[in-house]
Amino acid sequence: MAGRPREFDRDLALVKARDAFWERGYEGVSMADLVQVMGIASARIYAAFGSKENLFREAIALYEADEGGFAERALAQPAPARAAIEAMLRDAVLAYTRAGAPQGCMVVSAATNYSSGNDAINAWLAGHRRARTDSIIERLRRAAQEGELKADADVAALGDCYAVLLHGISVQARDGIGSARLLAMIAPAMRALDDALAD
């Protein structure tokens, strides 16, 4: 005998939760808010996702697999490191200023002002941000090993520079700075890497 069909679309509910967390952060979204935006009772939310924290973690995973996956895709391309970094910054601007979606990066904007009861979530998000920084440094380290960069290039400093810029683009987008203005800063930002390119 067939089981009782689910009364809601879990994937659609997760998208709605993701957007709420993306817009207001983990602590800015209450269970009552989730009930409202997801359109299901809290008991169904707990049954489907286990807890608010588990739901948030799934929402972050969904974000990183789609809208937030641009950096990983750019850094993985076989193009030279300069093209990869430039693509990452350009794609960040386009993703963070997309019409009809929350502005900025979900992993960055969801991480502001945590109470001590949510230290685990804060640390988890910080780990995600550090991993992005590490991936940029690793891409530049590979470029140095392949002779794209000067022997004395400080890949850690360059990686930190572009990670700070990436996270700063998110904040600027949240503050309402438009895509044209943010795209215009990429050219001067790339000069730091241009100075480190091998002749």
N, C-alpha and C. Protein backbone atom coordinates (compact mmCIF):
# COMPACT_ATOMS: atom_id res chain seq x y z
N MET A 1 0.84 -1.18 0.00
CA MET A 1 0.00 0.00 0.00
C MET A 1 0.89 1.25 0.00
N ALA A 2 0.55 2.17 -0.84
CA ALA A 2 1.35 3.38 -0.94
C ALA A 2 1.24 4.21 0.32
N GLY A 3 2.37 4.81 0.72
CA GLY A 3 2.37 5.66 1.90
C GLY A 3 1.65 6.97 1.61
N ARG A 4 1.38 7.67 2.66
CA ARG A 4 0.72 8.97 2.54
C ARG A 4 1.65 9.97 1.85
N PRO A 5 1.19 10.65 0.80
CA PRO A 5 2.08 11.60 0.11
C PRO A 5 2.46 12.77 1.00
N ARG A 6 3.64 13.30 0.75
CA ARG A 6 4.08 14.48 1.51
C ARG A 6 3.16 15.63 1.20
N GLU A 7 2.92 16.46 2.20
CA GLU A 7 2.00 17.58 2.05
C GLU A 7 2.69 18.84 1.55
N PHE A 8 4.00 18.76 1.31
CA PHE A 8 4.71 19.94 0.83
C PHE A 8 5.90 19.49 -0.01
N ASP A 9 6.38 20.40 -0.82
CA ASP A 9 7.55 20.16 -1.65
C ASP A 9 8.78 20.53 -0.83
N ARG A 10 9.54 19.54 -0.42
CA ARG A 10 10.69 19.78 0.46
C ARG A 10 11.71 20.69 -0.20
N ASP A 11 11.98 20.46 -1.49
CA ASP A 11 12.98 21.27 -2.18
C ASP A 11 12.55 22.74 -2.26
N LEU A 12 11.28 22.97 -2.55
CA LEU A 12 10.78 24.34 -2.63
C LEU A 12 10.81 24.99 -1.25
N ALA A 13 10.46 24.22 -0.22
CA ALA A 13 10.50 24.75 1.14
C ALA A 13 11.92 25.15 1.52
N LEU A 14 12.89 24.35 1.10
CA LEU A 14 14.29 24.65 1.40
C LEU A 14 14.74 25.92 0.70
N VAL A 15 14.31 26.12 -0.54
CA VAL A 15 14.63 27.35 -1.26
C VAL A 15 14.08 28.56 -0.52
N LYS A 16 12.85 28.46 -0.04
CA LYS A 16 12.23 29.57 0.70
C LYS A 16 12.98 29.85 1.99
N ALA A 17 13.40 28.80 2.68
CA ALA A 17 14.17 28.97 3.92
C ALA A 17 15.53 29.59 3.61
N ARG A 18 16.17 29.12 2.54
CA ARG A 18 17.47 29.68 2.14
C ARG A 18 17.37 31.18 1.93
N ASP A 19 16.34 31.61 1.21
CA ASP A 19 16.21 33.03 0.91
C ASP A 19 15.97 33.85 2.18
N ALA A 20 15.21 33.29 3.12
CA ALA A 20 14.98 33.99 4.39
C ALA A 20 16.28 34.13 5.17
N PHE A 21 17.05 33.05 5.27
CA PHE A 21 18.33 33.09 5.98
C PHE A 21 19.31 34.02 5.25
N TRP A 22 19.29 33.99 3.94
CA TRP A 22 20.18 34.81 3.12
C TRP A 22 19.89 36.29 3.37
N GLU A 23 18.63 36.62 3.47
CA GLU A 23 18.23 38.01 3.66
C GLU A 23 18.47 38.50 5.08
N ARG A 24 18.20 37.64 6.09
CA ARG A 24 18.19 38.11 7.48
C ARG A 24 19.17 37.41 8.41
N GLY A 25 19.92 36.43 7.91
CA GLY A 25 20.88 35.74 8.75
C GLY A 25 20.24 34.66 9.60
N TYR A 26 21.07 33.89 10.27
CA TYR A 26 20.57 32.76 11.06
C TYR A 26 19.72 33.23 12.23
N GLU A 27 20.26 34.15 13.01
CA GLU A 27 19.52 34.60 14.19
C GLU A 27 18.37 35.53 13.84
N GLY A 28 18.42 36.14 12.67
CA GLY A 28 17.35 37.05 12.26
C GLY A 28 16.10 36.35 11.79
N VAL A 29 16.14 35.03 11.69
CA VAL A 29 14.99 34.24 11.22
C VAL A 29 14.55 33.34 12.36
N SER A 30 13.35 33.55 12.85
CA SER A 30 12.79 32.72 13.93
C SER A 30 12.04 31.53 13.34
N MET A 31 11.67 30.60 14.19
CA MET A 31 10.85 29.49 13.73
C MET A 31 9.51 29.99 13.22
N ALA A 32 8.97 31.01 13.85
CA ALA A 32 7.71 31.58 13.36
C ALA A 32 7.88 32.14 11.95
N ASP A 33 9.04 32.77 11.70
CA ASP A 33 9.33 33.27 10.35
C ASP A 33 9.39 32.12 9.36
N LEU A 34 10.06 31.04 9.74
CA LEU A 34 10.18 29.89 8.86
C LEU A 34 8.83 29.26 8.56
N VAL A 35 7.98 29.18 9.56
CA VAL A 35 6.62 28.67 9.34
C VAL A 35 5.92 29.52 8.29
N GLN A 36 6.07 30.82 8.42
CA GLN A 36 5.39 31.72 7.49
C GLN A 36 5.96 31.61 6.07
N VAL A 37 7.29 31.68 5.93
CA VAL A 37 7.86 31.70 4.57
C VAL A 37 7.81 30.33 3.89
N MET A 38 7.91 29.26 4.68
CA MET A 38 7.89 27.93 4.09
C MET A 38 6.47 27.41 3.88
N GLY A 39 5.53 28.00 4.61
CA GLY A 39 4.14 27.62 4.45
C GLY A 39 3.78 26.28 5.05
N ILE A 40 4.54 25.85 6.06
CA ILE A 40 4.25 24.59 6.73
C ILE A 40 4.40 24.76 8.23
N ALA A 41 3.79 23.89 8.99
CA ALA A 41 3.82 23.97 10.45
C ALA A 41 5.21 23.64 10.98
N SER A 42 5.51 24.16 12.15
CA SER A 42 6.83 23.91 12.74
C SER A 42 7.09 22.43 12.94
N ALA A 43 6.06 21.66 13.28
CA ALA A 43 6.25 20.22 13.47
C ALA A 43 6.71 19.56 12.18
N ARG A 44 6.20 20.01 11.04
CA ARG A 44 6.61 19.46 9.75
C ARG A 44 8.05 19.88 9.41
N ILE A 45 8.40 21.11 9.81
CA ILE A 45 9.77 21.56 9.57
C ILE A 45 10.75 20.69 10.35
N TYR A 46 10.44 20.45 11.62
CA TYR A 46 11.31 19.61 12.44
C TYR A 46 11.36 18.18 11.91
N ALA A 47 10.21 17.68 11.45
CA ALA A 47 10.17 16.31 10.93
C ALA A 47 11.01 16.19 9.65
N ALA A 48 10.98 17.22 8.81
CA ALA A 48 11.68 17.16 7.53
C ALA A 48 13.17 17.48 7.65
N PHE A 49 13.52 18.40 8.58
CA PHE A 49 14.90 18.90 8.63
C PHE A 49 15.60 18.64 9.96
N GLY A 50 14.89 18.27 10.98
CA GLY A 50 15.50 17.93 12.26
C GLY A 50 15.59 19.08 13.23
N SER A 51 16.06 20.23 12.76
CA SER A 51 16.22 21.38 13.62
C SER A 51 16.41 22.62 12.75
N LYS A 52 16.30 23.77 13.36
CA LYS A 52 16.58 25.01 12.63
C LYS A 52 18.04 25.02 12.16
N GLU A 53 18.96 24.56 13.00
CA GLU A 53 20.37 24.54 12.62
C GLU A 53 20.60 23.64 11.42
N ASN A 54 20.00 22.44 11.43
CA ASN A 54 20.15 21.53 10.30
C ASN A 54 19.56 22.14 9.03
N LEU A 55 18.42 22.80 9.16
CA LEU A 55 17.81 23.47 8.03
C LEU A 55 18.73 24.55 7.47
N PHE A 56 19.34 25.32 8.35
CA PHE A 56 20.27 26.36 7.93
C PHE A 56 21.47 25.76 7.20
N ARG A 57 22.01 24.68 7.72
CA ARG A 57 23.16 24.03 7.08
C ARG A 57 22.78 23.52 5.69
N GLU A 58 21.59 22.97 5.55
CA GLU A 58 21.13 22.54 4.23
C GLU A 58 20.94 23.74 3.30
N ALA A 59 20.45 24.84 3.85
CA ALA A 59 20.24 26.05 3.05
C ALA A 59 21.58 26.59 2.54
N ILE A 60 22.61 26.56 3.39
CA ILE A 60 23.94 26.99 2.97
C ILE A 60 24.48 26.06 1.88
N ALA A 61 24.28 24.76 2.04
CA ALA A 61 24.74 23.80 1.04
C ALA A 61 24.05 24.05 -0.30
N LEU A 62 22.76 24.36 -0.26
CA LEU A 62 22.02 24.67 -1.49
C LEU A 62 22.58 25.93 -2.13
N TYR A 63 22.84 26.95 -1.32
CA TYR A 63 23.41 28.20 -1.83
C TYR A 63 24.77 27.95 -2.48
N GLU A 64 25.62 27.20 -1.80
CA GLU A 64 26.97 26.97 -2.32
C GLU A 64 26.98 26.10 -3.57
N ALA A 65 25.97 25.27 -3.74
CA ALA A 65 25.89 24.43 -4.93
C ALA A 65 25.37 25.20 -6.14
N ASP A 66 24.73 26.34 -5.90
CA ASP A 66 24.13 27.09 -6.99
C ASP A 66 24.71 28.51 -7.04
N GLU A 67 24.00 29.48 -6.51
CA GLU A 67 24.41 30.89 -6.60
C GLU A 67 25.80 31.13 -6.03
N GLY A 68 26.10 30.50 -4.92
CA GLY A 68 27.37 30.74 -4.25
C GLY A 68 28.53 29.92 -4.76
N GLY A 69 28.32 29.11 -5.80
CA GLY A 69 29.38 28.25 -6.29
C GLY A 69 30.26 28.87 -7.35
N PHE A 70 30.04 30.15 -7.64
CA PHE A 70 30.78 30.80 -8.73
C PHE A 70 32.29 30.83 -8.48
N ALA A 71 32.71 31.06 -7.24
CA ALA A 71 34.14 31.18 -6.96
C ALA A 71 34.85 29.85 -7.21
N GLU A 72 34.26 28.78 -6.73
CA GLU A 72 34.86 27.46 -6.95
C GLU A 72 34.96 27.16 -8.44
N ARG A 73 33.91 27.49 -9.18
CA ARG A 73 33.93 27.23 -10.63
C ARG A 73 35.01 28.08 -11.32
N ALA A 74 35.13 29.34 -10.94
CA ALA A 74 36.13 30.21 -11.57
C ALA A 74 37.54 29.73 -11.26
N LEU A 75 37.80 29.37 -10.01
CA LEU A 75 39.15 28.96 -9.62
C LEU A 75 39.54 27.61 -10.21
N ALA A 76 38.53 26.80 -10.56
CA ALA A 76 38.81 25.47 -11.11
C ALA A 76 39.06 25.49 -12.61
N GLN A 77 38.78 26.60 -13.27
CA GLN A 77 38.95 26.62 -14.72
C GLN A 77 40.43 26.53 -15.09
N PRO A 78 40.73 25.95 -16.27
CA PRO A 78 42.14 25.74 -16.64
C PRO A 78 42.85 27.01 -17.12
N ALA A 79 42.13 28.11 -17.18
CA ALA A 79 42.74 29.37 -17.64
C ALA A 79 43.83 29.81 -16.67
N PRO A 80 44.70 30.75 -17.10
CA PRO A 80 45.72 31.28 -16.19
C PRO A 80 45.08 31.86 -14.92
N ALA A 81 45.88 31.93 -13.87
CA ALA A 81 45.37 32.39 -12.57
C ALA A 81 44.77 33.78 -12.65
N ARG A 82 45.37 34.66 -13.44
CA ARG A 82 44.85 36.02 -13.53
C ARG A 82 43.41 36.00 -14.05
N ALA A 83 43.17 35.21 -15.10
CA ALA A 83 41.82 35.11 -15.67
C ALA A 83 40.85 34.50 -14.66
N ALA A 84 41.33 33.53 -13.89
CA ALA A 84 40.47 32.88 -12.90
C ALA A 84 40.08 33.85 -11.79
N ILE A 85 41.04 34.62 -11.29
CA ILE A 85 40.75 35.59 -10.23
C ILE A 85 39.81 36.68 -10.74
N GLU A 86 40.08 37.17 -11.95
CA GLU A 86 39.23 38.21 -12.53
C GLU A 86 37.80 37.69 -12.73
N ALA A 87 37.67 36.46 -13.20
CA ALA A 87 36.35 35.85 -13.38
C ALA A 87 35.64 35.71 -12.05
N MET A 88 36.38 35.31 -11.02
CA MET A 88 35.78 35.17 -9.69
C MET A 88 35.21 36.49 -9.20
N LEU A 89 35.96 37.57 -9.35
CA LEU A 89 35.49 38.89 -8.90
C LEU A 89 34.29 39.36 -9.73
N ARG A 90 34.38 39.19 -11.04
CA ARG A 90 33.27 39.59 -11.91
C ARG A 90 32.00 38.80 -11.57
N ASP A 91 32.16 37.49 -11.42
CA ASP A 91 31.00 36.65 -11.12
C ASP A 91 30.44 36.97 -9.74
N ALA A 92 31.30 37.37 -8.81
CA ALA A 92 30.83 37.79 -7.48
C ALA A 92 29.92 39.00 -7.59
N VAL A 93 30.36 39.98 -8.35
CA VAL A 93 29.54 41.19 -8.52
C VAL A 93 28.19 40.82 -9.11
N LEU A 94 28.20 40.01 -10.16
CA LEU A 94 26.95 39.66 -10.83
C LEU A 94 26.04 38.83 -9.92
N ALA A 95 26.62 37.94 -9.15
CA ALA A 95 25.82 37.11 -8.24
C ALA A 95 25.28 37.93 -7.07
N TYR A 96 26.11 38.81 -6.53
CA TYR A 96 25.72 39.54 -5.32
C TYR A 96 24.76 40.69 -5.59
N THR A 97 24.63 41.10 -6.84
CA THR A 97 23.74 42.21 -7.17
C THR A 97 22.56 41.75 -8.04
N ARG A 98 22.33 40.46 -8.09
CA ARG A 98 21.30 39.90 -8.96
C ARG A 98 19.91 40.40 -8.57
N ALA A 99 19.18 40.88 -9.56
CA ALA A 99 17.81 41.36 -9.31
C ALA A 99 16.91 40.21 -8.87
N GLY A 100 16.03 40.50 -7.93
CA GLY A 100 15.07 39.50 -7.48
C GLY A 100 15.61 38.50 -6.47
N ALA A 101 16.84 38.72 -6.01
CA ALA A 101 17.45 37.82 -5.02
C ALA A 101 18.03 38.65 -3.90
N PRO A 102 18.22 38.06 -2.71
CA PRO A 102 18.89 38.81 -1.65
C PRO A 102 20.28 39.25 -2.13
N GLN A 103 20.71 40.39 -1.69
CA GLN A 103 21.99 40.94 -2.14
C GLN A 103 23.13 40.41 -1.27
N GLY A 104 24.32 40.33 -1.88
CA GLY A 104 25.49 39.89 -1.15
C GLY A 104 25.61 38.38 -1.07
N CYS A 105 26.63 37.95 -0.34
CA CYS A 105 26.92 36.53 -0.15
C CYS A 105 26.22 36.01 1.10
N MET A 106 25.52 34.90 0.96
CA MET A 106 24.80 34.33 2.10
C MET A 106 25.75 33.95 3.23
N VAL A 107 26.92 33.41 2.90
CA VAL A 107 27.86 32.96 3.93
C VAL A 107 28.46 34.14 4.68
N VAL A 108 28.63 35.27 4.00
CA VAL A 108 29.15 36.48 4.64
C VAL A 108 28.04 37.18 5.43
N SER A 109 26.91 37.42 4.79
CA SER A 109 25.87 38.23 5.43
C SER A 109 25.12 37.48 6.53
N ALA A 110 25.14 36.17 6.50
CA ALA A 110 24.45 35.39 7.54
C ALA A 110 25.26 35.31 8.82
N ALA A 111 26.45 35.92 8.83
CA ALA A 111 27.38 35.70 9.94
C ALA A 111 27.52 36.87 10.89
N THR A 112 26.63 37.83 10.84
CA THR A 112 26.80 39.01 11.68
C THR A 112 26.10 38.85 13.03
N ASN A 113 26.78 39.29 14.09
CA ASN A 113 26.19 39.42 15.42
C ASN A 113 25.51 38.15 15.94
N TYR A 114 26.32 37.23 16.39
CA TYR A 114 25.82 35.98 16.94
C TYR A 114 25.86 35.98 18.46
N SER A 115 24.83 35.43 19.07
CA SER A 115 24.85 35.25 20.52
C SER A 115 25.70 34.02 20.85
N SER A 116 26.09 33.92 22.10
CA SER A 116 26.98 32.82 22.50
C SER A 116 26.34 31.46 22.30
N GLY A 117 25.01 31.40 22.29
CA GLY A 117 24.33 30.13 22.08
C GLY A 117 24.48 29.58 20.68
N ASN A 118 24.92 30.42 19.76
CA ASN A 118 25.07 29.99 18.38
C ASN A 118 26.54 30.02 17.93
N ASP A 119 27.45 29.81 18.87
CA ASP A 119 28.87 29.80 18.55
C ASP A 119 29.21 28.75 17.50
N ALA A 120 28.53 27.60 17.55
CA ALA A 120 28.85 26.52 16.61
C ALA A 120 28.54 26.94 15.18
N ILE A 121 27.42 27.60 14.97
CA ILE A 121 27.06 28.07 13.63
C ILE A 121 28.05 29.13 13.17
N ASN A 122 28.40 30.05 14.06
CA ASN A 122 29.33 31.11 13.71
C ASN A 122 30.69 30.52 13.31
N ALA A 123 31.16 29.55 14.07
CA ALA A 123 32.44 28.91 13.77
C ALA A 123 32.37 28.14 12.46
N TRP A 124 31.25 27.51 12.20
CA TRP A 124 31.06 26.75 10.97
C TRP A 124 31.12 27.67 9.75
N LEU A 125 30.44 28.81 9.83
CA LEU A 125 30.47 29.78 8.74
C LEU A 125 31.87 30.37 8.56
N ALA A 126 32.54 30.65 9.67
CA ALA A 126 33.91 31.16 9.59
C ALA A 126 34.81 30.15 8.88
N GLY A 127 34.59 28.88 9.14
CA GLY A 127 35.34 27.83 8.46
C GLY A 127 35.11 27.86 6.95
N HIS A 128 33.86 28.11 6.55
CA HIS A 128 33.55 28.22 5.11
C HIS A 128 34.30 29.40 4.49
N ARG A 129 34.33 30.52 5.20
CA ARG A 129 35.01 31.69 4.66
C ARG A 129 36.53 31.47 4.60
N ARG A 130 37.08 30.84 5.61
CA ARG A 130 38.52 30.53 5.59
C ARG A 130 38.85 29.56 4.46
N ALA A 131 37.95 28.62 4.21
CA ALA A 131 38.17 27.67 3.12
C ALA A 131 38.20 28.39 1.77
N ARG A 132 37.37 29.40 1.60
CA ARG A 132 37.40 30.17 0.35
C ARG A 132 38.73 30.90 0.22
N THR A 133 39.19 31.52 1.30
CA THR A 133 40.49 32.19 1.27
C THR A 133 41.58 31.20 0.91
N ASP A 134 41.55 30.03 1.53
CA ASP A 134 42.57 29.01 1.26
C ASP A 134 42.54 28.57 -0.20
N SER A 135 41.34 28.49 -0.79
CA SER A 135 41.24 28.05 -2.18
C SER A 135 41.83 29.10 -3.13
N ILE A 136 41.69 30.37 -2.80
CA ILE A 136 42.30 31.42 -3.62
C ILE A 136 43.82 31.36 -3.51
N ILE A 137 44.32 31.22 -2.27
CA ILE A 137 45.77 31.11 -2.07
C ILE A 137 46.32 29.89 -2.80
N GLU A 138 45.60 28.78 -2.72
CA GLU A 138 46.07 27.56 -3.38
C GLU A 138 46.12 27.73 -4.89
N ARG A 139 45.13 28.44 -5.45
CA ARG A 139 45.14 28.69 -6.91
C ARG A 139 46.36 29.53 -7.28
N LEU A 140 46.68 30.53 -6.49
CA LEU A 140 47.84 31.36 -6.76
C LEU A 140 49.14 30.60 -6.52
N ARG A 141 49.15 29.73 -5.53
CA ARG A 141 50.35 28.91 -5.28
C ARG A 141 50.62 28.00 -6.48
N ARG A 142 49.55 27.44 -7.03
CA ARG A 142 49.72 26.60 -8.22
C ARG A 142 50.27 27.43 -9.38
N ALA A 143 49.76 28.66 -9.52
CA ALA A 143 50.24 29.54 -10.58
C ALA A 143 51.73 29.84 -10.40
N ALA A 144 52.15 30.03 -9.16
CA ALA A 144 53.57 30.29 -8.90
C ALA A 144 54.41 29.08 -9.26
N GLN A 145 53.94 27.89 -8.91
CA GLN A 145 54.68 26.66 -9.23
C GLN A 145 54.77 26.43 -10.73
N GLU A 146 53.77 26.92 -11.47
CA GLU A 146 53.76 26.74 -12.93
C GLU A 146 54.47 27.87 -13.66
N GLY A 147 55.05 28.80 -12.90
CA GLY A 147 55.83 29.87 -13.51
C GLY A 147 55.03 31.08 -13.98
N GLU A 148 53.74 31.15 -13.62
CA GLU A 148 52.93 32.31 -14.01
C GLU A 148 53.31 33.54 -13.19
N LEU A 149 53.79 33.33 -11.96
CA LEU A 149 54.10 34.43 -11.07
C LEU A 149 55.61 34.52 -10.84
N LYS A 150 56.06 35.69 -10.46
CA LYS A 150 57.46 35.89 -10.13
C LYS A 150 57.84 35.00 -8.95
N ALA A 151 59.11 34.66 -8.90
CA ALA A 151 59.58 33.76 -7.85
C ALA A 151 59.37 34.33 -6.46
N ASP A 152 59.42 35.66 -6.33
CA ASP A 152 59.28 36.27 -5.01
C ASP A 152 57.84 36.73 -4.72
N ALA A 153 56.87 36.32 -5.54
CA ALA A 153 55.48 36.72 -5.32
C ALA A 153 54.97 36.16 -3.99
N ASP A 154 54.32 37.01 -3.21
CA ASP A 154 53.76 36.59 -1.92
C ASP A 154 52.34 36.11 -2.16
N VAL A 155 52.21 34.81 -2.42
CA VAL A 155 50.89 34.28 -2.79
C VAL A 155 49.89 34.36 -1.64
N ALA A 156 50.37 34.24 -0.40
CA ALA A 156 49.45 34.33 0.73
C ALA A 156 48.88 35.74 0.85
N ALA A 157 49.74 36.74 0.69
CA ALA A 157 49.26 38.12 0.76
C ALA A 157 48.30 38.43 -0.38
N LEU A 158 48.62 37.96 -1.59
CA LEU A 158 47.72 38.17 -2.73
C LEU A 158 46.40 37.45 -2.50
N GLY A 159 46.46 36.23 -2.01
CA GLY A 159 45.23 35.48 -1.74
C GLY A 159 44.37 36.16 -0.71
N ASP A 160 45.01 36.65 0.36
CA ASP A 160 44.25 37.38 1.38
C ASP A 160 43.64 38.65 0.80
N CYS A 161 44.38 39.32 -0.06
CA CYS A 161 43.88 40.55 -0.70
C CYS A 161 42.60 40.27 -1.47
N TYR A 162 42.60 39.21 -2.28
CA TYR A 162 41.43 38.93 -3.10
C TYR A 162 40.28 38.33 -2.30
N ALA A 163 40.59 37.64 -1.21
CA ALA A 163 39.53 37.15 -0.33
C ALA A 163 38.84 38.32 0.38
N VAL A 164 39.64 39.26 0.87
CA VAL A 164 39.07 40.45 1.51
C VAL A 164 38.20 41.21 0.51
N LEU A 165 38.68 41.33 -0.71
CA LEU A 165 37.92 42.02 -1.75
C LEU A 165 36.62 41.28 -2.06
N LEU A 166 36.71 39.97 -2.16
CA LEU A 166 35.52 39.16 -2.42
C LEU A 166 34.46 39.36 -1.35
N HIS A 167 34.88 39.32 -0.08
CA HIS A 167 33.94 39.51 1.02
C HIS A 167 33.45 40.96 1.07
N GLY A 168 34.32 41.89 0.72
CA GLY A 168 33.93 43.30 0.69
C GLY A 168 32.90 43.60 -0.39
N ILE A 169 33.00 42.92 -1.53
CA ILE A 169 31.99 43.08 -2.58
C ILE A 169 30.62 42.72 -2.03
N SER A 170 30.56 41.67 -1.22
CA SER A 170 29.29 41.26 -0.62
C SER A 170 28.71 42.37 0.24
N VAL A 171 29.55 42.97 1.08
CA VAL A 171 29.08 44.03 1.97
C VAL A 171 28.62 45.24 1.15
N GLN A 172 29.39 45.60 0.14
CA GLN A 172 29.02 46.74 -0.70
C GLN A 172 27.69 46.47 -1.41
N ALA A 173 27.51 45.26 -1.92
CA ALA A 173 26.25 44.91 -2.59
C ALA A 173 25.08 45.01 -1.62
N ARG A 174 25.28 44.53 -0.38
CA ARG A 174 24.22 44.63 0.63
C ARG A 174 23.89 46.08 0.94
N ASP A 175 24.89 46.95 0.82
CA ASP A 175 24.68 48.37 1.10
C ASP A 175 24.09 49.12 -0.09
N GLY A 176 23.83 48.42 -1.17
CA GLY A 176 23.16 49.03 -2.31
C GLY A 176 24.06 49.56 -3.41
N ILE A 177 25.36 49.26 -3.34
CA ILE A 177 26.26 49.67 -4.43
C ILE A 177 25.95 48.81 -5.65
N GLY A 178 25.72 49.45 -6.78
CA GLY A 178 25.29 48.74 -7.98
C GLY A 178 26.39 47.99 -8.69
N SER A 179 25.98 47.14 -9.63
CA SER A 179 26.93 46.28 -10.33
C SER A 179 27.92 47.08 -11.17
N ALA A 180 27.47 48.16 -11.81
CA ALA A 180 28.39 48.93 -12.67
C ALA A 180 29.55 49.47 -11.86
N ARG A 181 29.26 50.01 -10.71
CA ARG A 181 30.31 50.57 -9.85
C ARG A 181 31.23 49.48 -9.32
N LEU A 182 30.66 48.35 -8.95
CA LEU A 182 31.48 47.26 -8.42
C LEU A 182 32.33 46.62 -9.52
N LEU A 183 31.78 46.50 -10.71
CA LEU A 183 32.57 45.96 -11.82
C LEU A 183 33.75 46.88 -12.16
N ALA A 184 33.54 48.18 -12.00
CA ALA A 184 34.59 49.15 -12.34
C ALA A 184 35.80 49.02 -11.43
N MET A 185 35.64 48.48 -10.23
CA MET A 185 36.79 48.38 -9.33
C MET A 185 37.66 47.17 -9.63
N ILE A 186 37.20 46.28 -10.51
CA ILE A 186 37.98 45.06 -10.76
C ILE A 186 39.30 45.38 -11.44
N ALA A 187 39.28 46.28 -12.42
CA ALA A 187 40.53 46.61 -13.13
C ALA A 187 41.62 47.11 -12.20
N PRO A 188 41.35 48.11 -11.34
CA PRO A 188 42.42 48.50 -10.41
C PRO A 188 42.78 47.41 -9.41
N ALA A 189 41.82 46.58 -9.05
CA ALA A 189 42.11 45.50 -8.11
C ALA A 189 43.06 44.47 -8.71
N MET A 190 42.99 44.27 -10.02
CA MET A 190 43.84 43.27 -10.66
C MET A 190 45.29 43.72 -10.79
N ARG A 191 45.56 45.00 -10.56
CA ARG A 191 46.94 45.48 -10.70
C ARG A 191 47.89 44.83 -9.69
N ALA A 192 47.36 44.49 -8.54
CA ALA A 192 48.21 43.81 -7.55
C ALA A 192 48.73 42.49 -8.10
N LEU A 193 47.87 41.76 -8.79
CA LEU A 193 48.31 40.50 -9.38
C LEU A 193 49.17 40.75 -10.62
N ASP A 194 48.83 41.77 -11.39
CA ASP A 194 49.65 42.11 -12.58
C ASP A 194 51.10 42.36 -12.19
N ASP A 195 51.30 43.02 -11.06
CA ASP A 195 52.66 43.31 -10.60
C ASP A 195 53.44 42.06 -10.23
N ALA A 196 52.69 40.99 -9.93
CA ALA A 196 53.35 39.73 -9.53
C ALA A 196 53.53 38.74 -10.68
N LEU A 197 52.99 39.09 -11.86
CA LEU A 197 53.10 38.17 -12.99
C LEU A 197 54.54 38.08 -13.49
N ALA A 198 54.95 36.89 -13.86
CA ALA A 198 56.28 36.70 -14.42
C ALA A 198 56.35 37.36 -15.79
N ASP A 199 57.54 37.84 -16.14
CA ASP A 199 57.73 38.48 -17.45
C ASP A 199 57.70 37.45 -18.58
